[in-house]
Amino acid sequence: MRMNRALVLEAPVDAPDGAGGRSRTWSALGTLWADVQAGAVKDGVVALKVRVRAAAVGAPSRPVTGQRFRVGERVFPILGVTEEDRILTCHAEGVL
């Protein structure tokens, strides 16, 4: 496994929009080096496995479901995270 892709980990930030609703922005938590593998494609959306070194539970550098990775203008929502041997596998998706 080669962790040779720099991805920015982002977390959602919800705030009142002043009209009774909420607006969502994204806050960068840091850059993680990752191994990215593409999987199946369905309707122009590719399944991704993004592997990163595990950080302690609760650390800002530990990806969780609901966050996303960013590379330039491309974003990859994190759908789930599993851990094995101090490696986190983030199941994400991206548009082709």
Protein backbone atom coordinates (compact mmCIF):
# COMPACT_ATOMS: atom_id res chain seq x y z
CA MET A 1 0.00 0.00 0.00
CA ARG A 2 1.40 3.38 -1.05
CA MET A 3 0.06 6.39 0.81
CA ASN A 4 1.11 8.88 -1.83
CA ARG A 5 -2.02 11.03 -2.25
CA ALA A 6 -2.48 14.16 -0.15
CA LEU A 7 -6.15 14.63 0.75
CA VAL A 8 -7.67 17.43 2.83
CA LEU A 9 -10.06 16.10 5.49
CA GLU A 10 -13.07 18.40 5.97
CA ALA A 11 -15.88 18.44 8.55
CA PRO A 12 -19.31 20.01 8.10
CA VAL A 13 -20.16 23.20 9.99
CA ASP A 14 -23.86 24.07 10.21
CA ALA A 15 -24.99 27.58 11.17
CA PRO A 16 -28.29 29.46 11.22
CA ASP A 17 -28.94 31.18 7.88
CA GLY A 18 -30.96 34.05 9.37
CA ALA A 19 -34.19 32.90 7.71
CA GLY A 20 -35.08 30.04 10.05
CA GLY A 21 -32.99 27.45 8.25
CA ARG A 22 -29.39 26.34 8.37
CA SER A 23 -26.48 26.69 5.99
CA ARG A 24 -23.59 24.25 5.69
CA THR A 25 -19.97 25.13 5.15
CA TRP A 26 -16.91 22.89 5.41
CA SER A 27 -13.90 23.34 7.69
CA ALA A 28 -10.49 21.86 6.81
CA LEU A 29 -9.15 19.64 9.60
CA GLY A 30 -5.79 18.89 7.98
CA THR A 31 -4.07 17.00 5.21
CA LEU A 32 -3.77 13.22 5.33
CA TRP A 33 -1.58 10.99 3.15
CA ALA A 34 -3.66 8.21 1.68
CA ASP A 35 -3.79 5.21 -0.61
CA VAL A 36 -6.82 5.61 -2.90
CA GLN A 37 -8.33 2.70 -4.82
CA ALA A 38 -11.26 3.01 -7.19
CA GLY A 39 -13.96 0.35 -7.25
CA ALA A 40 -17.25 -0.12 -9.05
CA VAL A 41 -18.90 2.67 -11.03
CA LYS A 42 -22.66 3.18 -10.98
CA ASP A 43 -24.45 6.08 -12.69
CA GLY A 44 -21.20 8.04 -13.02
CA VAL A 45 -20.32 7.66 -9.32
CA VAL A 46 -17.23 5.64 -8.42
CA ALA A 47 -16.85 3.78 -5.12
CA LEU A 48 -13.52 4.57 -3.44
CA LYS A 49 -11.46 2.94 -0.71
CA VAL A 50 -9.27 5.55 0.94
CA ARG A 51 -6.73 4.10 3.38
CA VAL A 52 -5.01 6.32 5.97
CA ARG A 53 -3.04 5.69 9.14
CA ALA A 54 -5.29 5.55 12.19
CA ALA A 55 -5.31 8.39 14.69
CA ALA A 56 -6.71 8.12 18.21
CA VAL A 57 -10.49 7.96 18.55
CA GLY A 58 -11.77 11.53 18.84
CA ALA A 59 -8.67 13.11 17.27
CA PRO A 60 -9.49 15.72 14.60
CA SER A 61 -7.25 13.85 12.15
CA ARG A 62 -9.35 10.67 12.43
CA PRO A 63 -11.92 10.55 9.59
CA VAL A 64 -15.52 9.71 10.46
CA THR A 65 -18.71 9.14 8.51
CA GLY A 66 -20.25 12.43 7.36
CA GLN A 67 -16.94 14.14 6.73
CA ARG A 68 -15.33 14.36 3.31
CA PHE A 69 -11.99 14.42 1.54
CA ARG A 70 -11.07 17.19 -0.89
CA VAL A 71 -8.48 17.34 -3.67
CA GLY A 72 -8.66 20.74 -5.35
CA GLU A 73 -12.29 21.20 -6.39
CA ARG A 74 -13.12 17.48 -6.18
CA VAL A 75 -14.85 16.23 -3.04
CA PHE A 76 -15.32 12.67 -1.81
CA PRO A 77 -18.00 12.15 0.89
CA ILE A 78 -17.08 9.54 3.52
CA LEU A 79 -19.85 6.94 3.79
CA GLY A 80 -18.24 4.65 6.39
CA VAL A 81 -14.96 3.89 8.16
CA THR A 82 -13.44 0.62 9.31
CA GLU A 83 -10.16 -0.05 11.16
CA GLU A 84 -7.71 -2.93 10.91
CA ASP A 85 -4.07 -3.04 12.02
CA ARG A 86 -3.90 0.74 12.68
CA ILE A 87 -5.14 1.49 9.15
CA LEU A 88 -8.48 3.17 8.56
CA THR A 89 -10.35 2.27 5.40
CA CYS A 90 -12.72 5.08 4.48
CA HIS A 91 -15.47 4.08 2.08
CA ALA A 92 -16.16 7.13 -0.04
CA GLU A 93 -17.56 8.06 -3.42
CA GLY A 94 -16.69 10.46 -6.19
CA VAL A 95 -18.22 11.68 -9.43
CA LEU A 96 -16.40 10.82 -12.63
